[in-house]
Amino acid sequence: MTTYRVIIQPNAEAEIEAAYLYRAEHAPQAAARWFVGLVEAINTLEHFPARCPLAPESGHFAEEIRQLLYGARRDVFRILFTIQGDAVHVLHVRHGAQQYLHEE
């Protein structure tokens, strides 16, 4: 079984931090649990990341963009990533209510 390196890009890091800080203002313990769960979900991409479906945005970009969903009900986050060789690049972590990405 191939193990992939998971690389979180600066945009994704900033989005994760912003989501955590927003949550921490209202419920610090819940924010910590959310963060740990998100990191665990991202780490699952080390094994068989192609199991995740293509993101709706994928058709607008030259390379395949896949998504891993994390969360439940109205609080789902989309972890958007590409697979390049033996590396998974996490590009964005966006709340499910946010608009889809475009090339701009």
PDB file of N, CA and C in Angstrom:
ATOM      1  N   MET A   1       0.847  -1.174   0.000  1.00  0.00           N
ATOM      2  CA  MET A   1       0.000   0.000   0.000  1.00  0.00           C
ATOM      3  C   MET A   1       0.897   1.243   0.000  1.00  0.00           C
ATOM      4  N   THR A   2       0.621   2.135  -0.915  1.00  0.00           N
ATOM      5  CA  THR A   2       1.374   3.381  -0.994  1.00  0.00           C
ATOM      6  C   THR A   2       0.952   4.329   0.120  1.00  0.00           C
ATOM      7  N   THR A   3       1.928   4.940   0.737  1.00  0.00           N
ATOM      8  CA  THR A   3       1.654   5.978   1.722  1.00  0.00           C
ATOM      9  C   THR A   3       2.008   7.315   1.077  1.00  0.00           C
ATOM     10  N   TYR A   4       1.062   8.222   1.092  1.00  0.00           N
ATOM     11  CA  TYR A   4       1.235   9.533   0.482  1.00  0.00           C
ATOM     12  C   TYR A   4       1.673  10.545   1.539  1.00  0.00           C
ATOM     13  N   ARG A   5       2.499  11.499   1.120  1.00  0.00           N
ATOM     14  CA  ARG A   5       2.828  12.638   1.981  1.00  0.00           C
ATOM     15  C   ARG A   5       1.662  13.607   1.882  1.00  0.00           C
ATOM     16  N   VAL A   6       1.214  14.113   2.990  1.00  0.00           N
ATOM     17  CA  VAL A   6       0.125  15.091   3.005  1.00  0.00           C
ATOM     18  C   VAL A   6       0.742  16.455   3.284  1.00  0.00           C
ATOM     19  N   ILE A   7       0.557  17.365   2.336  1.00  0.00           N
ATOM     20  CA  ILE A   7       1.122  18.704   2.430  1.00  0.00           C
ATOM     21  C   ILE A   7      -0.033  19.698   2.476  1.00  0.00           C
ATOM     22  N   ILE A   8      -0.112  20.433   3.550  1.00  0.00           N
ATOM     23  CA  ILE A   8      -1.177  21.427   3.691  1.00  0.00           C
ATOM     24  C   ILE A   8      -0.641  22.761   3.201  1.00  0.00           C
ATOM     25  N   GLN A   9      -1.236  23.267   2.149  1.00  0.00           N
ATOM     26  CA  GLN A   9      -0.806  24.523   1.544  1.00  0.00           C
ATOM     27  C   GLN A   9      -1.166  25.708   2.451  1.00  0.00           C
ATOM     28  N   PRO A  10      -0.442  26.836   2.301  1.00  0.00           N
ATOM     29  CA  PRO A  10      -0.690  28.007   3.155  1.00  0.00           C
ATOM     30  C   PRO A  10      -2.148  28.486   3.142  1.00  0.00           C
ATOM     31  N   ASN A  11      -2.824  28.474   1.989  1.00  0.00           N
ATOM     32  CA  ASN A  11      -4.236  28.889   1.949  1.00  0.00           C
ATOM     33  C   ASN A  11      -5.083  28.018   2.872  1.00  0.00           C
ATOM     34  N   ALA A  12      -4.854  26.717   2.803  1.00  0.00           N
ATOM     35  CA  ALA A  12      -5.623  25.788   3.632  1.00  0.00           C
ATOM     36  C   ALA A  12      -5.306  26.000   5.109  1.00  0.00           C
ATOM     37  N   GLU A  13      -4.032  26.218   5.430  1.00  0.00           N
ATOM     38  CA  GLU A  13      -3.666  26.477   6.826  1.00  0.00           C
ATOM     39  C   GLU A  13      -4.387  27.704   7.358  1.00  0.00           C
ATOM     40  N   ALA A  14      -4.434  28.759   6.555  1.00  0.00           N
ATOM     41  CA  ALA A  14      -5.101  29.993   6.979  1.00  0.00           C
ATOM     42  C   ALA A  14      -6.598  29.769   7.165  1.00  0.00           C
ATOM     43  N   GLU A  15      -7.208  28.989   6.286  1.00  0.00           N
ATOM     44  CA  GLU A  15      -8.647  28.709   6.392  1.00  0.00           C
ATOM     45  C   GLU A  15      -8.954  27.867   7.624  1.00  0.00           C
ATOM     46  N   ILE A  16      -8.095  26.908   7.918  1.00  0.00           N
ATOM     47  CA  ILE A  16      -8.273  26.087   9.119  1.00  0.00           C
ATOM     48  C   ILE A  16      -8.149  26.958  10.364  1.00  0.00           C
ATOM     49  N   GLU A  17      -7.134  27.805  10.392  1.00  0.00           N
ATOM     50  CA  GLU A  17      -6.935  28.675  11.544  1.00  0.00           C
ATOM     51  C   GLU A  17      -8.125  29.610  11.740  1.00  0.00           C
ATOM     52  N   ALA A  18      -8.617  30.202  10.657  1.00  0.00           N
ATOM     53  CA  ALA A  18      -9.760  31.121  10.767  1.00  0.00           C
ATOM     54  C   ALA A  18     -10.995  30.397  11.292  1.00  0.00           C
ATOM     55  N   ALA A  19     -11.242  29.188  10.799  1.00  0.00           N
ATOM     56  CA  ALA A  19     -12.405  28.422  11.258  1.00  0.00           C
ATOM     57  C   ALA A  19     -12.258  28.057  12.729  1.00  0.00           C
ATOM     58  N   TYR A  20     -11.048  27.662  13.123  1.00  0.00           N
ATOM     59  CA  TYR A  20     -10.810  27.316  14.524  1.00  0.00           C
ATOM     60  C   TYR A  20     -11.020  28.531  15.429  1.00  0.00           C
ATOM     61  N   LEU A  21     -10.431  29.660  15.066  1.00  0.00           N
ATOM     62  CA  LEU A  21     -10.544  30.860  15.897  1.00  0.00           C
ATOM     63  C   LEU A  21     -11.990  31.317  16.028  1.00  0.00           C
ATOM     64  N   TYR A  22     -12.740  31.223  14.961  1.00  0.00           N
ATOM     65  CA  TYR A  22     -14.156  31.593  15.012  1.00  0.00           C
ATOM     66  C   TYR A  22     -14.892  30.704  16.003  1.00  0.00           C
ATOM     67  N   ARG A  23     -14.635  29.399  15.928  1.00  0.00           N
ATOM     68  CA  ARG A  23     -15.290  28.445  16.827  1.00  0.00           C
ATOM     69  C   ARG A  23     -14.839  28.650  18.274  1.00  0.00           C
ATOM     70  N   ALA A  24     -13.552  28.939  18.443  1.00  0.00           N
ATOM     71  CA  ALA A  24     -12.997  29.075  19.791  1.00  0.00           C
ATOM     72  C   ALA A  24     -13.590  30.270  20.540  1.00  0.00           C
ATOM     73  N   GLU A  25     -14.019  31.282  19.820  1.00  0.00           N
ATOM     74  CA  GLU A  25     -14.649  32.434  20.469  1.00  0.00           C
ATOM     75  C   GLU A  25     -15.941  32.039  21.177  1.00  0.00           C
ATOM     76  N   HIS A  26     -16.648  31.071  20.617  1.00  0.00           N
ATOM     77  CA  HIS A  26     -17.965  30.691  21.130  1.00  0.00           C
ATOM     78  C   HIS A  26     -17.922  29.443  22.011  1.00  0.00           C
ATOM     79  N   ALA A  27     -17.027  28.515  21.672  1.00  0.00           N
ATOM     80  CA  ALA A  27     -16.974  27.247  22.404  1.00  0.00           C
ATOM     81  C   ALA A  27     -15.562  26.661  22.298  1.00  0.00           C
ATOM     82  N   PRO A  28     -14.663  27.072  23.171  1.00  0.00           N
ATOM     83  CA  PRO A  28     -13.261  26.656  23.071  1.00  0.00           C
ATOM     84  C   PRO A  28     -13.041  25.145  23.067  1.00  0.00           C
ATOM     85  N   GLN A  29     -13.746  24.417  23.932  1.00  0.00           N
ATOM     86  CA  GLN A  29     -13.550  22.967  23.973  1.00  0.00           C
ATOM     87  C   GLN A  29     -14.057  22.298  22.703  1.00  0.00           C
ATOM     88  N   ALA A  30     -15.186  22.749  22.210  1.00  0.00           N
ATOM     89  CA  ALA A  30     -15.720  22.194  20.973  1.00  0.00           C
ATOM     90  C   ALA A  30     -14.793  22.524  19.802  1.00  0.00           C
ATOM     91  N   ALA A  31     -14.202  23.706  19.829  1.00  0.00           N
ATOM     92  CA  ALA A  31     -13.268  24.097  18.770  1.00  0.00           C
ATOM     93  C   ALA A  31     -12.052  23.179  18.769  1.00  0.00           C
ATOM     94  N   ALA A  32     -11.561  22.852  19.953  1.00  0.00           N
ATOM     95  CA  ALA A  32     -10.406  21.955  20.054  1.00  0.00           C
ATOM     96  C   ALA A  32     -10.751  20.571  19.517  1.00  0.00           C
ATOM     97  N   ARG A  33     -11.932  20.060  19.859  1.00  0.00           N
ATOM     98  CA  ARG A  33     -12.366  18.751  19.346  1.00  0.00           C
ATOM     99  C   ARG A  33     -12.510  18.799  17.826  1.00  0.00           C
ATOM    100  N   TRP A  34     -13.094  19.885  17.314  1.00  0.00           N
ATOM    101  CA  TRP A  34     -13.262  20.044  15.867  1.00  0.00           C
ATOM    102  C   TRP A  34     -11.897  20.012  15.175  1.00  0.00           C
ATOM    103  N   PHE A  35     -10.937  20.749  15.727  1.00  0.00           N
ATOM    104  CA  PHE A  35      -9.609  20.830  15.131  1.00  0.00           C
ATOM    105  C   PHE A  35      -8.932  19.462  15.095  1.00  0.00           C
ATOM    106  N   VAL A  36      -8.969  18.754  16.211  1.00  0.00           N
ATOM    107  CA  VAL A  36      -8.349  17.421  16.274  1.00  0.00           C
ATOM    108  C   VAL A  36      -9.005  16.493  15.255  1.00  0.00           C
ATOM    109  N   GLY A  37     -10.324  16.520  15.169  1.00  0.00           N
ATOM    110  CA  GLY A  37     -11.024  15.681  14.199  1.00  0.00           C
ATOM    111  C   GLY A  37     -10.683  16.039  12.768  1.00  0.00           C
ATOM    112  N   LEU A  38     -10.551  17.326  12.486  1.00  0.00           N
ATOM    113  CA  LEU A  38     -10.195  17.764  11.139  1.00  0.00           C
ATOM    114  C   LEU A  38      -8.803  17.273  10.763  1.00  0.00           C
ATOM    115  N   VAL A  39      -7.864  17.419  11.672  1.00  0.00           N
ATOM    116  CA  VAL A  39      -6.497  16.953  11.415  1.00  0.00           C
ATOM    117  C   VAL A  39      -6.488  15.444  11.184  1.00  0.00           C
ATOM    118  N   GLU A  40      -7.249  14.707  11.988  1.00  0.00           N
ATOM    119  CA  GLU A  40      -7.330  13.252  11.790  1.00  0.00           C
ATOM    120  C   GLU A  40      -7.916  12.922  10.426  1.00  0.00           C
ATOM    121  N   ALA A  41      -8.947  13.650  10.010  1.00  0.00           N
ATOM    122  CA  ALA A  41      -9.553  13.421   8.696  1.00  0.00           C
ATOM    123  C   ALA A  41      -8.539  13.694   7.588  1.00  0.00           C
ATOM    124  N   ILE A  42      -7.815  14.792   7.701  1.00  0.00           N
ATOM    125  CA  ILE A  42      -6.798  15.118   6.693  1.00  0.00           C
ATOM    126  C   ILE A  42      -5.731  14.037   6.649  1.00  0.00           C
ATOM    127  N   ASN A  43      -5.323  13.537   7.806  1.00  0.00           N
ATOM    128  CA  ASN A  43      -4.285  12.502   7.850  1.00  0.00           C
ATOM    129  C   ASN A  43      -4.720  11.200   7.199  1.00  0.00           C
ATOM    130  N   THR A  44      -6.028  10.958   7.094  1.00  0.00           N
ATOM    131  CA  THR A  44      -6.471   9.725   6.414  1.00  0.00           C
ATOM    132  C   THR A  44      -6.126   9.760   4.927  1.00  0.00           C
ATOM    133  N   LEU A  45      -5.808  10.935   4.416  1.00  0.00           N
ATOM    134  CA  LEU A  45      -5.444  11.040   3.005  1.00  0.00           C
ATOM    135  C   LEU A  45      -4.087  10.406   2.709  1.00  0.00           C
ATOM    136  N   GLU A  46      -3.364  10.011   3.742  1.00  0.00           N
ATOM    137  CA  GLU A  46      -2.098   9.295   3.553  1.00  0.00           C
ATOM    138  C   GLU A  46      -2.325   7.965   2.833  1.00  0.00           C
ATOM    139  N   HIS A  47      -3.510   7.410   3.001  1.00  0.00           N
ATOM    140  CA  HIS A  47      -3.821   6.100   2.423  1.00  0.00           C
ATOM    141  C   HIS A  47      -5.016   6.204   1.491  1.00  0.00           C
ATOM    142  N   PHE A  48      -4.817   5.863   0.252  1.00  0.00           N
ATOM    143  CA  PHE A  48      -5.852   5.795  -0.777  1.00  0.00           C
ATOM    144  C   PHE A  48      -6.673   7.078  -0.898  1.00  0.00           C
ATOM    145  N   PRO A  49      -6.028   8.195  -1.179  1.00  0.00           N
ATOM    146  CA  PRO A  49      -6.773   9.452  -1.315  1.00  0.00           C
ATOM    147  C   PRO A  49      -7.724   9.461  -2.515  1.00  0.00           C
ATOM    148  N   ALA A  50      -7.458   8.607  -3.488  1.00  0.00           N
ATOM    149  CA  ALA A  50      -8.323   8.551  -4.671  1.00  0.00           C
ATOM    150  C   ALA A  50      -9.706   7.995  -4.343  1.00  0.00           C
ATOM    151  N   ARG A  51      -9.907   7.536  -3.109  1.00  0.00           N
ATOM    152  CA  ARG A  51     -11.235   7.063  -2.691  1.00  0.00           C
ATOM    153  C   ARG A  51     -12.235   8.212  -2.646  1.00  0.00           C
ATOM    154  N   CYS A  52     -11.715   9.422  -2.509  1.00  0.00           N
ATOM    155  CA  CYS A  52     -12.568  10.606  -2.393  1.00  0.00           C
ATOM    156  C   CYS A  52     -13.026  11.046  -3.780  1.00  0.00           C
ATOM    157  N   PRO A  53     -14.268  11.496  -3.883  1.00  0.00           N
ATOM    158  CA  PRO A  53     -14.791  11.883  -5.196  1.00  0.00           C
ATOM    159  C   PRO A  53     -14.182  13.194  -5.687  1.00  0.00           C
ATOM    160  N   LEU A  54     -14.340  13.412  -6.986  1.00  0.00           N
ATOM    161  CA  LEU A  54     -13.940  14.693  -7.548  1.00  0.00           C
ATOM    162  C   LEU A  54     -14.824  15.781  -6.970  1.00  0.00           C
ATOM    163  N   ALA A  55     -14.223  16.930  -6.716  1.00  0.00           N
ATOM    164  CA  ALA A  55     -14.972  18.089  -6.228  1.00  0.00           C
ATOM    165  C   ALA A  55     -15.738  18.697  -7.396  1.00  0.00           C
ATOM    166  N   PRO A  56     -16.850  19.369  -7.128  1.00  0.00           N
ATOM    167  CA  PRO A  56     -17.599  20.019  -8.205  1.00  0.00           C
ATOM    168  C   PRO A  56     -16.734  20.982  -9.021  1.00  0.00           C
ATOM    169  N   GLU A  57     -15.715  21.568  -8.401  1.00  0.00           N
ATOM    170  CA  GLU A  57     -14.825  22.509  -9.086  1.00  0.00           C
ATOM    171  C   GLU A  57     -13.884  21.836 -10.066  1.00  0.00           C
ATOM    172  N   SER A  58     -13.702  20.553  -9.965  1.00  0.00           N
ATOM    173  CA  SER A  58     -12.650  19.864 -10.702  1.00  0.00           C
ATOM    174  C   SER A  58     -12.690  20.135 -12.201  1.00  0.00           C
ATOM    175  N   GLY A  59     -13.863  20.248 -12.768  1.00  0.00           N
ATOM    176  CA  GLY A  59     -13.983  20.478 -14.205  1.00  0.00           C
ATOM    177  C   GLY A  59     -13.493  21.837 -14.658  1.00  0.00           C
ATOM    178  N   HIS A  60     -13.284  22.762 -13.733  1.00  0.00           N
ATOM    179  CA  HIS A  60     -12.845  24.114 -14.070  1.00  0.00           C
ATOM    180  C   HIS A  60     -11.334  24.284 -14.016  1.00  0.00           C
ATOM    181  N   PHE A  61     -10.617  23.247 -13.631  1.00  0.00           N
ATOM    182  CA  PHE A  61      -9.169  23.349 -13.467  1.00  0.00           C
ATOM    183  C   PHE A  61      -8.470  22.262 -14.275  1.00  0.00           C
ATOM    184  N   ALA A  62      -7.198  22.491 -14.579  1.00  0.00           N
ATOM    185  CA  ALA A  62      -6.423  21.560 -15.393  1.00  0.00           C
ATOM    186  C   ALA A  62      -6.187  20.227 -14.676  1.00  0.00           C
ATOM    187  N   GLU A  63      -6.023  20.261 -13.360  1.00  0.00           N
ATOM    188  CA  GLU A  63      -5.780  19.018 -12.629  1.00  0.00           C
ATOM    189  C   GLU A  63      -7.008  18.626 -11.814  1.00  0.00           C
ATOM    190  N   GLU A  64      -7.093  17.341 -11.511  1.00  0.00           N
ATOM    191  CA  GLU A  64      -8.233  16.855 -10.732  1.00  0.00           C
ATOM    192  C   GLU A  64      -8.181  17.422  -9.320  1.00  0.00           C
ATOM    193  N   ILE A  65      -9.306  17.916  -8.874  1.00  0.00           N
ATOM    194  CA  ILE A  65      -9.445  18.362  -7.487  1.00  0.00           C
ATOM    195  C   ILE A  65     -10.458  17.431  -6.836  1.00  0.00           C
ATOM    196  N   ARG A  66     -10.042  16.827  -5.753  1.00  0.00           N
ATOM    197  CA  ARG A  66     -10.909  15.912  -5.015  1.00  0.00           C
ATOM    198  C   ARG A  66     -11.331  16.565  -3.712  1.00  0.00           C
ATOM    199  N   GLN A  67     -12.360  15.982  -3.090  1.00  0.00           N
ATOM    200  CA  GLN A  67     -12.814  16.532  -1.818  1.00  0.00           C
ATOM    201  C   GLN A  67     -13.077  15.422  -0.816  1.00  0.00           C
ATOM    202  N   LEU A  68     -12.743  15.726   0.417  1.00  0.00           N
ATOM    203  CA  LEU A  68     -13.050  14.879   1.557  1.00  0.00           C
ATOM    204  C   LEU A  68     -13.954  15.709   2.454  1.00  0.00           C
ATOM    205  N   LEU A  69     -15.091  15.160   2.801  1.00  0.00           N
ATOM    206  CA  LEU A  69     -16.026  15.887   3.656  1.00  0.00           C
ATOM    207  C   LEU A  69     -15.748  15.572   5.117  1.00  0.00           C
ATOM    208  N   TYR A  70     -15.801  16.620   5.950  1.00  0.00           N
ATOM    209  CA  TYR A  70     -15.599  16.452   7.378  1.00  0.00           C
ATOM    210  C   TYR A  70     -16.684  17.227   8.110  1.00  0.00           C
ATOM    211  N   GLY A  71     -17.345  16.579   9.044  1.00  0.00           N
ATOM    212  CA  GLY A  71     -18.384  17.228   9.834  1.00  0.00           C
ATOM    213  C   GLY A  71     -19.732  16.582   9.583  1.00  0.00           C
ATOM    214  N   ALA A  72     -20.759  17.217  10.104  1.00  0.00           N
ATOM    215  CA  ALA A  72     -22.107  16.652   9.987  1.00  0.00           C
ATOM    216  C   ALA A  72     -23.133  17.763   9.801  1.00  0.00           C
ATOM    217  N   ARG A  73     -24.229  17.370   9.226  1.00  0.00           N
ATOM    218  CA  ARG A  73     -25.393  18.236   9.023  1.00  0.00           C
ATOM    219  C   ARG A  73     -25.023  19.561   8.382  1.00  0.00           C
ATOM    220  N   ARG A  74     -25.306  20.653   9.075  1.00  0.00           N
ATOM    221  CA  ARG A  74     -25.042  21.991   8.527  1.00  0.00           C
ATOM    222  C   ARG A  74     -23.617  22.464   8.771  1.00  0.00           C
ATOM    223  N   ASP A  75     -22.817  21.607   9.353  1.00  0.00           N
ATOM    224  CA  ASP A  75     -21.456  21.998   9.706  1.00  0.00           C
ATOM    225  C   ASP A  75     -20.429  21.116   9.004  1.00  0.00           C
ATOM    226  N   VAL A  76     -20.598  20.948   7.708  1.00  0.00           N
ATOM    227  CA  VAL A  76     -19.691  20.122   6.918  1.00  0.00           C
ATOM    228  C   VAL A  76     -18.632  21.024   6.281  1.00  0.00           C
ATOM    229  N   PHE A  77     -17.399  20.566   6.338  1.00  0.00           N
ATOM    230  CA  PHE A  77     -16.294  21.248   5.677  1.00  0.00           C
ATOM    231  C   PHE A  77     -15.806  20.378   4.528  1.00  0.00           C
ATOM    232  N   ARG A  78     -15.405  21.042   3.455  1.00  0.00           N
ATOM    233  CA  ARG A  78     -14.875  20.371   2.275  1.00  0.00           C
ATOM    234  C   ARG A  78     -13.367  20.549   2.261  1.00  0.00           C
ATOM    235  N   ILE A  79     -12.651  19.450   2.346  1.00  0.00           N
ATOM    236  CA  ILE A  79     -11.190  19.463   2.272  1.00  0.00           C
ATOM    237  C   ILE A  79     -10.859  19.213   0.803  1.00  0.00           C
ATOM    238  N   LEU A  80     -10.378  20.240   0.127  1.00  0.00           N
ATOM    239  CA  LEU A  80     -10.097  20.156  -1.306  1.00  0.00           C
ATOM    240  C   LEU A  80      -8.610  19.873  -1.502  1.00  0.00           C
ATOM    241  N   PHE A  81      -8.306  18.877  -2.348  1.00  0.00           N
ATOM    242  CA  PHE A  81      -6.917  18.471  -2.511  1.00  0.00           C
ATOM    243  C   PHE A  81      -6.656  17.910  -3.900  1.00  0.00           C
ATOM    244  N   THR A  82      -5.369  17.858  -4.235  1.00  0.00           N
ATOM    245  CA  THR A  82      -4.925  17.209  -5.465  1.00  0.00           C
ATOM    246  C   THR A  82      -3.958  16.095  -5.075  1.00  0.00           C
ATOM    247  N   ILE A  83      -3.819  15.146  -5.983  1.00  0.00           N
ATOM    248  CA  ILE A  83      -2.849  14.068  -5.805  1.00  0.00           C
ATOM    249  C   ILE A  83      -1.795  14.253  -6.889  1.00  0.00           C
ATOM    250  N   GLN A  84      -0.559  14.426  -6.477  1.00  0.00           N
ATOM    251  CA  GLN A  84       0.545  14.619  -7.416  1.00  0.00           C
ATOM    252  C   GLN A  84       1.657  13.654  -7.048  1.00  0.00           C
ATOM    253  N   GLY A  85       1.783  12.598  -7.816  1.00  0.00           N
ATOM    254  CA  GLY A  85       2.785  11.583  -7.514  1.00  0.00           C
ATOM    255  C   GLY A  85       2.490  10.927  -6.185  1.00  0.00           C
ATOM    256  N   ASP A  86       3.454  11.002  -5.261  1.00  0.00           N
ATOM    257  CA  ASP A  86       3.273  10.387  -3.946  1.00  0.00           C
ATOM    258  C   ASP A  86       2.863  11.411  -2.887  1.00  0.00           C
ATOM    259  N   ALA A  87       2.337  12.558  -3.341  1.00  0.00           N
ATOM    260  CA  ALA A  87       1.956  13.616  -2.394  1.00  0.00           C
ATOM    261  C   ALA A  87       0.506  14.041  -2.605  1.00  0.00           C
ATOM    262  N   VAL A  88      -0.139  14.336  -1.498  1.00  0.00           N
ATOM    263  CA  VAL A  88      -1.480  14.917  -1.495  1.00  0.00           C
ATOM    264  C   VAL A  88      -1.304  16.365  -1.055  1.00  0.00           C
ATOM    265  N   HIS A  89      -1.776  17.280  -1.878  1.00  0.00           N
ATOM    266  CA  HIS A  89      -1.685  18.705  -1.556  1.00  0.00           C
ATOM    267  C   HIS A  89      -3.068  19.202  -1.156  1.00  0.00           C
ATOM    268  N   VAL A  90      -3.221  19.556   0.116  1.00  0.00           N
ATOM    269  CA  VAL A  90      -4.486  20.113   0.599  1.00  0.00           C
ATOM    270  C   VAL A  90      -4.480  21.586   0.214  1.00  0.00           C
ATOM    271  N   LEU A  91      -5.404  21.949  -0.680  1.00  0.00           N
ATOM    272  CA  LEU A  91      -5.437  23.299  -1.239  1.00  0.00           C
ATOM    273  C   LEU A  91      -6.298  24.255  -0.423  1.00  0.00           C
ATOM    274  N   HIS A  92      -7.468  23.771  -0.011  1.00  0.00           N
ATOM    275  CA  HIS A  92      -8.423  24.607   0.720  1.00  0.00           C
ATOM    276  C   HIS A  92      -9.214  23.750   1.693  1.00  0.00           C
ATOM    277  N   VAL A  93      -9.680  24.381   2.748  1.00  0.00           N
ATOM    278  CA  VAL A  93     -10.635  23.768   3.673  1.00  0.00           C
ATOM    279  C   VAL A  93     -11.757  24.784   3.802  1.00  0.00           C
ATOM    280  N   ARG A  94     -12.907  24.453   3.219  1.00  0.00           N
ATOM    281  CA  ARG A  94     -13.997  25.418   3.098  1.00  0.00           C
ATOM    282  C   ARG A  94     -15.280  24.862   3.698  1.00  0.00           C
ATOM    283  N   HIS A  95     -16.037  25.726   4.345  1.00  0.00           N
ATOM    284  CA  HIS A  95     -17.336  25.318   4.869  1.00  0.00           C
ATOM    285  C   HIS A  95     -18.226  24.947   3.689  1.00  0.00           C
ATOM    286  N   GLY A  96     -19.052  23.937   3.871  1.00  0.00           N
ATOM    287  CA  GLY A  96     -19.918  23.466   2.803  1.00  0.00           C
ATOM    288  C   GLY A  96     -20.882  24.508   2.278  1.00  0.00           C
ATOM    289  N   ALA A  97     -21.170  25.542   3.061  1.00  0.00           N
ATOM    290  CA  ALA A  97     -22.092  26.592   2.617  1.00  0.00           C
ATOM    291  C   ALA A  97     -21.412  27.628   1.725  1.00  0.00           C
ATOM    292  N   GLN A  98     -20.086  27.605   1.663  1.00  0.00           N
ATOM    293  CA  GLN A  98     -19.369  28.562   0.819  1.00  0.00           C
ATOM    294  C   GLN A  98     -19.528  28.199  -0.657  1.00  0.00           C
ATOM    295  N   GLN A  99     -19.483  29.205  -1.505  1.00  0.00           N
ATOM    296  CA  GLN A  99     -19.572  28.968  -2.937  1.00  0.00           C
ATOM    297  C   GLN A  99     -18.395  28.138  -3.413  1.00  0.00           C
ATOM    298  N   TYR A 100     -18.598  27.437  -4.517  1.00  0.00           N
ATOM    299  CA  TYR A 100     -17.524  26.646  -5.106  1.00  0.00           C
ATOM    300  C   TYR A 100     -16.446  27.583  -5.636  1.00  0.00           C
ATOM    301  N   LEU A 101     -15.229  27.050  -5.696  1.00  0.00           N
ATOM    302  CA  LEU A 101     -14.106  27.807  -6.223  1.00  0.00           C
ATOM    303  C   LEU A 101     -14.202  27.967  -7.730  1.00  0.00           C
ATOM    304  N   HIS A 102     -13.605  29.024  -8.235  1.00  0.00           N
ATOM    305  CA  HIS A 102     -13.479  29.249  -9.673  1.00  0.00           C
ATOM    306  C   HIS A 102     -12.027  29.545  -9.974  1.00  0.00           C
ATOM    307  N   GLU A 103     -11.658  29.562 -11.229  1.00  0.00           N
ATOM    308  CA  GLU A 103     -10.255  29.726 -11.608  1.00  0.00           C
ATOM    309  C   GLU A 103      -9.623  31.020 -11.119  1.00  0.00           C
ATOM    310  N   GLU A 104     -10.370  32.069 -10.907  1.00  0.00           N
ATOM    311  CA  GLU A 104      -9.805  33.357 -10.515  1.00  0.00           C
ATOM    312  C   GLU A 104      -9.161  33.304  -9.217  1.00  0.00           C
TER     313      GLU A 104
END
